[in-house]
N, C-alpha and C. Protein backbone atom coordinates (compact mmCIF):
# COMPACT_ATOMS: atom_id res chain seq x y z
N UNK A 1 -21.61 41.26 54.92
CA UNK A 1 -20.93 41.42 53.70
C UNK A 1 -20.65 40.08 53.05
N UNK A 2 -21.24 39.87 51.94
CA UNK A 2 -21.02 38.59 51.29
C UNK A 2 -19.64 38.55 50.61
N UNK A 3 -18.98 37.46 50.81
CA UNK A 3 -17.69 37.25 50.13
C UNK A 3 -17.95 36.57 48.78
N UNK A 4 -17.15 36.94 47.82
CA UNK A 4 -17.29 36.32 46.50
C UNK A 4 -16.56 34.99 46.50
N UNK A 5 -17.24 34.01 45.96
CA UNK A 5 -16.66 32.67 45.86
C UNK A 5 -16.41 32.38 44.40
N UNK A 6 -15.21 32.02 44.10
CA UNK A 6 -14.85 31.68 42.73
C UNK A 6 -14.56 30.18 42.67
N UNK A 7 -15.21 29.54 41.73
CA UNK A 7 -15.00 28.10 41.55
C UNK A 7 -14.21 27.91 40.26
N UNK A 8 -13.10 27.28 40.37
CA UNK A 8 -12.30 26.97 39.18
C UNK A 8 -12.25 25.46 39.03
N UNK A 9 -12.40 25.00 37.80
CA UNK A 9 -12.36 23.55 37.60
C UNK A 9 -10.96 23.01 37.89
N UNK A 10 -10.97 21.87 38.50
CA UNK A 10 -9.72 21.21 38.82
C UNK A 10 -9.15 20.61 37.54
N UNK A 11 -7.92 20.94 37.26
CA UNK A 11 -7.32 20.42 36.02
C UNK A 11 -6.82 19.00 36.27
N UNK A 12 -7.09 18.18 35.29
CA UNK A 12 -6.66 16.78 35.34
C UNK A 12 -5.21 16.70 34.90
N UNK A 13 -4.41 15.96 35.61
CA UNK A 13 -3.03 15.79 35.14
C UNK A 13 -3.02 14.97 33.85
N UNK A 14 -2.12 15.33 32.97
CA UNK A 14 -2.01 14.62 31.70
C UNK A 14 -1.57 13.19 31.98
N UNK A 15 -2.23 12.22 31.32
CA UNK A 15 -1.82 10.83 31.55
C UNK A 15 -0.41 10.61 31.04
N UNK A 16 0.38 10.04 31.86
CA UNK A 16 1.75 9.76 31.46
C UNK A 16 1.93 8.25 31.40
N UNK A 17 2.76 7.85 30.50
CA UNK A 17 3.08 6.44 30.42
C UNK A 17 4.40 6.22 31.12
N UNK A 18 4.47 5.15 31.78
CA UNK A 18 5.70 4.84 32.52
C UNK A 18 6.84 4.60 31.54
N UNK A 19 8.04 5.03 31.91
CA UNK A 19 9.18 4.82 31.01
C UNK A 19 9.40 3.35 30.67
N UNK A 20 9.11 2.46 31.61
CA UNK A 20 9.34 1.05 31.31
C UNK A 20 8.35 0.54 30.26
N UNK A 21 7.11 1.11 30.22
CA UNK A 21 6.15 0.73 29.18
C UNK A 21 6.61 1.23 27.82
N UNK A 22 7.16 2.44 27.78
CA UNK A 22 7.66 2.96 26.52
C UNK A 22 8.85 2.16 26.03
N UNK A 23 9.71 1.76 26.94
CA UNK A 23 10.87 0.96 26.56
C UNK A 23 10.45 -0.41 26.07
N UNK A 24 9.49 -1.03 26.76
CA UNK A 24 9.01 -2.35 26.33
C UNK A 24 8.33 -2.26 24.97
N UNK A 25 7.53 -1.22 24.78
CA UNK A 25 6.85 -1.04 23.50
C UNK A 25 7.85 -0.78 22.39
N UNK A 26 8.85 0.06 22.68
CA UNK A 26 9.88 0.35 21.68
C UNK A 26 10.68 -0.91 21.35
N UNK A 27 10.99 -1.71 22.37
CA UNK A 27 11.71 -2.96 22.13
C UNK A 27 10.89 -3.94 21.31
N UNK A 28 9.58 -3.99 21.54
CA UNK A 28 8.71 -4.88 20.79
C UNK A 28 8.62 -4.44 19.32
N UNK A 29 8.57 -3.12 19.10
CA UNK A 29 8.53 -2.60 17.72
C UNK A 29 9.84 -2.95 17.01
N UNK A 30 10.97 -2.78 17.70
CA UNK A 30 12.25 -3.11 17.09
C UNK A 30 12.35 -4.60 16.80
N UNK A 31 11.86 -5.42 17.70
CA UNK A 31 11.88 -6.87 17.48
C UNK A 31 10.96 -7.26 16.32
N UNK A 32 9.81 -6.61 16.23
CA UNK A 32 8.91 -6.86 15.10
C UNK A 32 9.57 -6.44 13.79
N UNK A 33 10.24 -5.29 13.79
CA UNK A 33 10.97 -4.86 12.59
C UNK A 33 12.07 -5.83 12.21
N UNK A 34 12.77 -6.34 13.21
CA UNK A 34 13.84 -7.30 12.95
C UNK A 34 13.29 -8.59 12.35
N UNK A 35 12.17 -9.07 12.88
CA UNK A 35 11.55 -10.28 12.34
C UNK A 35 11.03 -10.05 10.91
N UNK A 36 10.47 -8.87 10.66
CA UNK A 36 10.01 -8.55 9.30
C UNK A 36 11.18 -8.50 8.34
N UNK A 37 12.30 -7.94 8.79
CA UNK A 37 13.51 -7.92 7.97
C UNK A 37 14.01 -9.33 7.71
N UNK A 38 14.01 -10.16 8.75
CA UNK A 38 14.43 -11.56 8.59
C UNK A 38 13.54 -12.32 7.62
N UNK A 39 12.24 -12.06 7.67
CA UNK A 39 11.32 -12.72 6.74
C UNK A 39 11.58 -12.25 5.31
N UNK A 40 11.85 -10.95 5.16
CA UNK A 40 12.18 -10.43 3.83
C UNK A 40 13.46 -11.02 3.28
N UNK A 41 14.46 -11.20 4.12
CA UNK A 41 15.73 -11.79 3.69
C UNK A 41 15.54 -13.28 3.37
N UNK A 42 14.74 -13.97 4.17
CA UNK A 42 14.55 -15.40 3.92
C UNK A 42 13.83 -15.67 2.60
N UNK A 43 13.16 -14.66 2.06
CA UNK A 43 12.54 -14.78 0.74
C UNK A 43 13.59 -15.08 -0.34
N UNK A 44 14.81 -14.59 -0.12
CA UNK A 44 15.87 -14.75 -1.11
C UNK A 44 16.79 -15.93 -0.80
N UNK A 45 16.52 -16.67 0.26
CA UNK A 45 17.30 -17.86 0.59
C UNK A 45 16.66 -19.10 -0.03
N UNK A 46 17.40 -20.20 -0.19
CA UNK A 46 16.83 -21.42 -0.77
C UNK A 46 15.65 -21.94 0.05
N UNK A 47 14.55 -22.20 -0.62
CA UNK A 47 13.33 -22.66 0.04
C UNK A 47 13.09 -24.15 -0.13
N UNK A 48 13.49 -24.68 -1.26
CA UNK A 48 13.15 -26.07 -1.55
C UNK A 48 14.31 -26.73 -2.30
N UNK A 49 14.33 -28.04 -2.20
CA UNK A 49 15.33 -28.82 -2.91
C UNK A 49 14.60 -29.72 -3.90
N UNK A 50 14.73 -29.37 -5.16
CA UNK A 50 14.14 -30.16 -6.24
C UNK A 50 15.27 -30.84 -7.00
N UNK A 51 14.93 -31.69 -7.92
CA UNK A 51 15.95 -32.40 -8.69
C UNK A 51 16.75 -31.46 -9.57
N UNK A 52 16.22 -30.27 -9.88
CA UNK A 52 16.93 -29.36 -10.77
C UNK A 52 17.65 -28.24 -10.02
N UNK A 53 17.53 -28.17 -8.71
CA UNK A 53 18.24 -27.13 -7.97
C UNK A 53 17.56 -26.78 -6.67
N UNK A 54 17.99 -25.67 -6.11
CA UNK A 54 17.43 -25.20 -4.84
C UNK A 54 16.92 -23.77 -5.03
N UNK A 55 15.70 -23.63 -5.50
CA UNK A 55 15.18 -22.29 -5.76
C UNK A 55 14.79 -21.55 -4.47
N UNK A 56 14.95 -20.23 -4.52
CA UNK A 56 14.51 -19.37 -3.42
C UNK A 56 13.07 -18.94 -3.71
N UNK A 57 12.49 -18.20 -2.80
CA UNK A 57 11.16 -17.65 -3.04
C UNK A 57 11.17 -16.73 -4.26
N UNK A 58 12.29 -16.01 -4.42
CA UNK A 58 12.44 -15.14 -5.57
C UNK A 58 12.46 -15.94 -6.87
N UNK A 59 13.18 -17.06 -6.88
CA UNK A 59 13.23 -17.91 -8.07
C UNK A 59 11.87 -18.55 -8.34
N UNK A 60 11.18 -18.95 -7.30
CA UNK A 60 9.88 -19.61 -7.48
C UNK A 60 8.83 -18.67 -8.06
N UNK A 61 8.88 -17.40 -7.70
CA UNK A 61 7.88 -16.48 -8.22
C UNK A 61 8.08 -16.25 -9.71
N UNK A 62 9.28 -16.50 -10.22
CA UNK A 62 9.54 -16.35 -11.65
C UNK A 62 8.82 -17.40 -12.48
N UNK A 63 8.36 -18.48 -11.82
CA UNK A 63 7.64 -19.53 -12.54
C UNK A 63 6.29 -19.04 -13.05
N UNK A 64 5.80 -17.95 -12.46
CA UNK A 64 4.54 -17.37 -12.91
C UNK A 64 3.34 -17.99 -12.23
N UNK A 65 2.18 -17.66 -12.75
CA UNK A 65 0.94 -18.19 -12.19
C UNK A 65 0.72 -17.74 -10.77
N UNK A 66 0.22 -18.66 -9.95
CA UNK A 66 -0.06 -18.32 -8.56
C UNK A 66 1.21 -18.13 -7.74
N UNK A 67 2.36 -18.54 -8.26
CA UNK A 67 3.63 -18.34 -7.56
C UNK A 67 4.00 -16.86 -7.47
N UNK A 68 3.41 -16.04 -8.32
CA UNK A 68 3.68 -14.59 -8.26
C UNK A 68 3.19 -13.99 -6.94
N UNK A 69 2.27 -14.67 -6.27
CA UNK A 69 1.78 -14.17 -4.98
C UNK A 69 2.87 -14.21 -3.91
N UNK A 70 3.97 -14.91 -4.18
CA UNK A 70 5.09 -14.92 -3.23
C UNK A 70 5.67 -13.52 -3.04
N UNK A 71 5.46 -12.63 -4.00
CA UNK A 71 5.93 -11.25 -3.85
C UNK A 71 5.28 -10.56 -2.66
N UNK A 72 4.15 -11.08 -2.19
CA UNK A 72 3.50 -10.45 -1.04
C UNK A 72 4.37 -10.52 0.21
N UNK A 73 5.24 -11.51 0.30
CA UNK A 73 6.07 -11.65 1.50
C UNK A 73 7.03 -10.47 1.65
N UNK A 74 7.88 -10.14 0.67
CA UNK A 74 8.76 -8.99 0.89
C UNK A 74 8.00 -7.66 0.89
N UNK A 75 6.90 -7.57 0.17
CA UNK A 75 6.12 -6.33 0.16
C UNK A 75 5.51 -6.08 1.54
N UNK A 76 4.88 -7.09 2.12
CA UNK A 76 4.28 -6.93 3.44
C UNK A 76 5.35 -6.76 4.51
N UNK A 77 6.52 -7.36 4.33
CA UNK A 77 7.62 -7.16 5.27
C UNK A 77 8.06 -5.70 5.26
N UNK A 78 8.17 -5.12 4.08
CA UNK A 78 8.56 -3.71 3.97
C UNK A 78 7.50 -2.80 4.58
N UNK A 79 6.22 -3.11 4.38
CA UNK A 79 5.15 -2.30 4.96
C UNK A 79 5.18 -2.39 6.49
N UNK A 80 5.46 -3.58 7.02
CA UNK A 80 5.55 -3.76 8.48
C UNK A 80 6.70 -2.93 9.05
N UNK A 81 7.84 -2.96 8.39
CA UNK A 81 8.99 -2.16 8.84
C UNK A 81 8.66 -0.68 8.75
N UNK A 82 8.04 -0.26 7.66
CA UNK A 82 7.67 1.15 7.49
C UNK A 82 6.72 1.60 8.59
N UNK A 83 5.77 0.76 8.95
CA UNK A 83 4.83 1.10 10.03
C UNK A 83 5.56 1.26 11.35
N UNK A 84 6.54 0.42 11.60
CA UNK A 84 7.31 0.53 12.84
C UNK A 84 8.18 1.76 12.88
N UNK A 85 8.80 2.10 11.75
CA UNK A 85 9.67 3.26 11.69
C UNK A 85 8.87 4.56 11.84
N UNK A 86 7.68 4.59 11.27
CA UNK A 86 6.85 5.80 11.35
C UNK A 86 5.96 5.82 12.58
N UNK A 87 6.21 4.89 13.51
CA UNK A 87 5.49 4.83 14.80
C UNK A 87 3.99 4.61 14.63
N UNK A 88 3.61 3.86 13.63
CA UNK A 88 2.21 3.48 13.44
C UNK A 88 2.01 2.07 13.98
N UNK A 89 0.78 1.68 14.10
CA UNK A 89 0.48 0.36 14.65
C UNK A 89 0.89 -0.74 13.66
N UNK A 90 1.55 -1.74 14.19
CA UNK A 90 1.96 -2.89 13.40
C UNK A 90 1.08 -4.09 13.67
N UNK A 91 0.02 -3.90 14.41
CA UNK A 91 -0.79 -5.02 14.87
C UNK A 91 -1.37 -5.82 13.71
N UNK A 92 -2.08 -5.18 12.82
CA UNK A 92 -2.75 -5.90 11.73
C UNK A 92 -1.76 -6.31 10.65
N UNK A 93 -0.94 -5.37 10.19
CA UNK A 93 -0.02 -5.68 9.09
C UNK A 93 1.03 -6.70 9.53
N UNK A 94 1.45 -6.64 10.79
CA UNK A 94 2.41 -7.63 11.29
C UNK A 94 1.83 -9.04 11.31
N UNK A 95 0.58 -9.15 11.71
CA UNK A 95 -0.06 -10.46 11.74
C UNK A 95 -0.30 -10.98 10.32
N UNK A 96 -0.68 -10.11 9.41
CA UNK A 96 -0.85 -10.55 8.02
C UNK A 96 0.48 -11.00 7.43
N UNK A 97 1.53 -10.25 7.71
CA UNK A 97 2.86 -10.62 7.22
C UNK A 97 3.29 -11.96 7.80
N UNK A 98 3.02 -12.17 9.08
CA UNK A 98 3.37 -13.43 9.71
C UNK A 98 2.58 -14.61 9.18
N UNK A 99 1.37 -14.37 8.72
CA UNK A 99 0.53 -15.46 8.21
C UNK A 99 0.91 -15.89 6.79
N UNK A 100 1.58 -15.01 6.04
CA UNK A 100 1.89 -15.32 4.64
C UNK A 100 2.72 -16.60 4.45
N UNK A 101 3.80 -16.83 5.21
CA UNK A 101 4.55 -18.08 5.00
C UNK A 101 3.71 -19.32 5.28
N UNK A 102 2.76 -19.22 6.20
CA UNK A 102 1.89 -20.36 6.48
C UNK A 102 0.89 -20.59 5.36
N UNK A 103 0.45 -19.52 4.73
CA UNK A 103 -0.42 -19.67 3.55
C UNK A 103 0.32 -20.36 2.42
N UNK A 104 1.57 -19.96 2.21
CA UNK A 104 2.39 -20.59 1.18
C UNK A 104 2.61 -22.06 1.53
N UNK A 105 2.91 -22.34 2.81
CA UNK A 105 3.12 -23.72 3.25
C UNK A 105 1.87 -24.57 3.07
N UNK A 106 0.70 -24.00 3.38
CA UNK A 106 -0.55 -24.75 3.20
C UNK A 106 -0.80 -25.03 1.73
N UNK A 107 -0.50 -24.08 0.87
CA UNK A 107 -0.67 -24.28 -0.57
C UNK A 107 0.27 -25.40 -1.06
N UNK A 108 1.51 -25.34 -0.63
CA UNK A 108 2.47 -26.35 -1.05
C UNK A 108 2.14 -27.71 -0.46
N UNK A 109 1.65 -27.74 0.76
CA UNK A 109 1.27 -29.02 1.36
C UNK A 109 0.11 -29.65 0.58
N UNK A 110 -0.80 -28.82 0.11
CA UNK A 110 -1.90 -29.30 -0.72
C UNK A 110 -1.38 -29.86 -2.03
N UNK A 111 -0.31 -29.27 -2.54
CA UNK A 111 0.24 -29.68 -3.83
C UNK A 111 1.16 -30.90 -3.71
N UNK A 112 2.01 -30.93 -2.67
CA UNK A 112 3.02 -31.99 -2.55
C UNK A 112 2.70 -33.04 -1.50
N UNK A 113 1.82 -32.76 -0.60
CA UNK A 113 1.47 -33.72 0.45
C UNK A 113 2.58 -33.88 1.47
N UNK A 114 2.75 -35.10 1.95
CA UNK A 114 3.73 -35.35 3.01
C UNK A 114 5.17 -35.26 2.52
N UNK A 115 5.40 -35.22 1.21
CA UNK A 115 6.75 -35.06 0.68
C UNK A 115 7.30 -33.66 0.93
N UNK A 116 6.45 -32.76 1.34
CA UNK A 116 6.84 -31.37 1.52
C UNK A 116 7.97 -31.23 2.54
N UNK A 117 7.90 -31.96 3.62
CA UNK A 117 8.92 -31.82 4.66
C UNK A 117 10.30 -32.27 4.18
N UNK A 118 10.36 -33.12 3.19
CA UNK A 118 11.65 -33.58 2.66
C UNK A 118 12.25 -32.60 1.68
N UNK A 119 11.44 -31.77 1.04
CA UNK A 119 11.98 -30.86 0.03
C UNK A 119 12.23 -29.45 0.56
N UNK A 120 11.72 -29.12 1.74
CA UNK A 120 11.93 -27.78 2.28
C UNK A 120 13.37 -27.60 2.75
N UNK A 121 13.88 -26.39 2.55
CA UNK A 121 15.23 -26.06 3.00
C UNK A 121 15.17 -24.94 4.03
N UNK A 122 16.32 -24.48 4.46
CA UNK A 122 16.40 -23.54 5.58
C UNK A 122 15.71 -22.22 5.32
N UNK A 123 15.62 -21.76 4.09
CA UNK A 123 14.91 -20.51 3.80
C UNK A 123 13.43 -20.61 4.16
N UNK A 124 12.83 -21.74 3.85
CA UNK A 124 11.42 -21.95 4.18
C UNK A 124 11.22 -22.08 5.67
N UNK A 125 12.12 -22.79 6.34
CA UNK A 125 12.00 -22.94 7.80
C UNK A 125 12.21 -21.61 8.51
N UNK A 126 13.18 -20.82 8.05
CA UNK A 126 13.38 -19.50 8.64
C UNK A 126 12.17 -18.60 8.43
N UNK A 127 11.57 -18.69 7.25
CA UNK A 127 10.39 -17.86 7.00
C UNK A 127 9.23 -18.27 7.91
N UNK A 128 9.11 -19.56 8.21
CA UNK A 128 8.08 -20.01 9.14
C UNK A 128 8.36 -19.55 10.57
N UNK A 129 9.63 -19.55 10.97
CA UNK A 129 10.00 -19.09 12.31
C UNK A 129 9.72 -17.59 12.44
N UNK A 130 10.19 -16.80 11.46
CA UNK A 130 9.94 -15.37 11.50
C UNK A 130 8.44 -15.06 11.37
N UNK A 131 7.73 -15.86 10.59
CA UNK A 131 6.30 -15.68 10.46
C UNK A 131 5.57 -15.92 11.77
N UNK A 132 6.00 -16.93 12.51
CA UNK A 132 5.40 -17.20 13.81
C UNK A 132 5.64 -16.03 14.76
N UNK A 133 6.87 -15.53 14.78
CA UNK A 133 7.18 -14.39 15.64
C UNK A 133 6.37 -13.16 15.24
N UNK A 134 6.23 -12.93 13.95
CA UNK A 134 5.45 -11.77 13.48
C UNK A 134 3.97 -11.95 13.77
N UNK A 135 3.50 -13.15 13.84
CA UNK A 135 2.09 -13.37 14.15
C UNK A 135 1.82 -13.13 15.63
N UNK A 136 2.81 -13.40 16.49
CA UNK A 136 2.61 -13.27 17.93
C UNK A 136 3.00 -11.89 18.45
N UNK A 137 4.13 -11.35 18.04
CA UNK A 137 4.65 -10.10 18.60
C UNK A 137 3.70 -8.91 18.49
N UNK A 138 3.12 -8.62 17.33
CA UNK A 138 2.25 -7.44 17.24
C UNK A 138 0.98 -7.55 18.08
N UNK A 139 0.55 -8.74 18.43
CA UNK A 139 -0.66 -8.91 19.25
C UNK A 139 -0.51 -8.27 20.61
N UNK A 140 0.69 -8.30 21.15
CA UNK A 140 0.93 -7.81 22.49
C UNK A 140 1.30 -6.34 22.52
N UNK A 141 1.54 -5.73 21.37
CA UNK A 141 1.90 -4.31 21.35
C UNK A 141 0.64 -3.45 21.39
N UNK A 142 0.85 -2.19 21.77
CA UNK A 142 -0.29 -1.28 21.89
C UNK A 142 -0.49 -0.51 20.62
């Protein structure tokens, strides 16, 4: 008497992520959001010291011309925060946001030369610090 043999496929367990990985990833997203917020706020702080005053990034963009591109800093900061809040990847947008203060610095260095370090104020330095963090932090996130 032949016995019937039934073969059932072995079900694969669903891949789970360790709670510590989720916590680290969540902490990195929050830190990236905080740095993007800091970069957005530093846009409104004094960036340079000229003979006529201490303009912020907001004041400088009012000069027109290529200075209007400074609006990319708060816009990209908001997009980076939005990506973090909606649980989307911040890898590319975070790095672009972090690179913006360095692009502005390179443009100004081309315009002012070595005098640039004497005219920069804390708003510009903070934007460079937050930009560095935004350039590095999203690289390590998943």
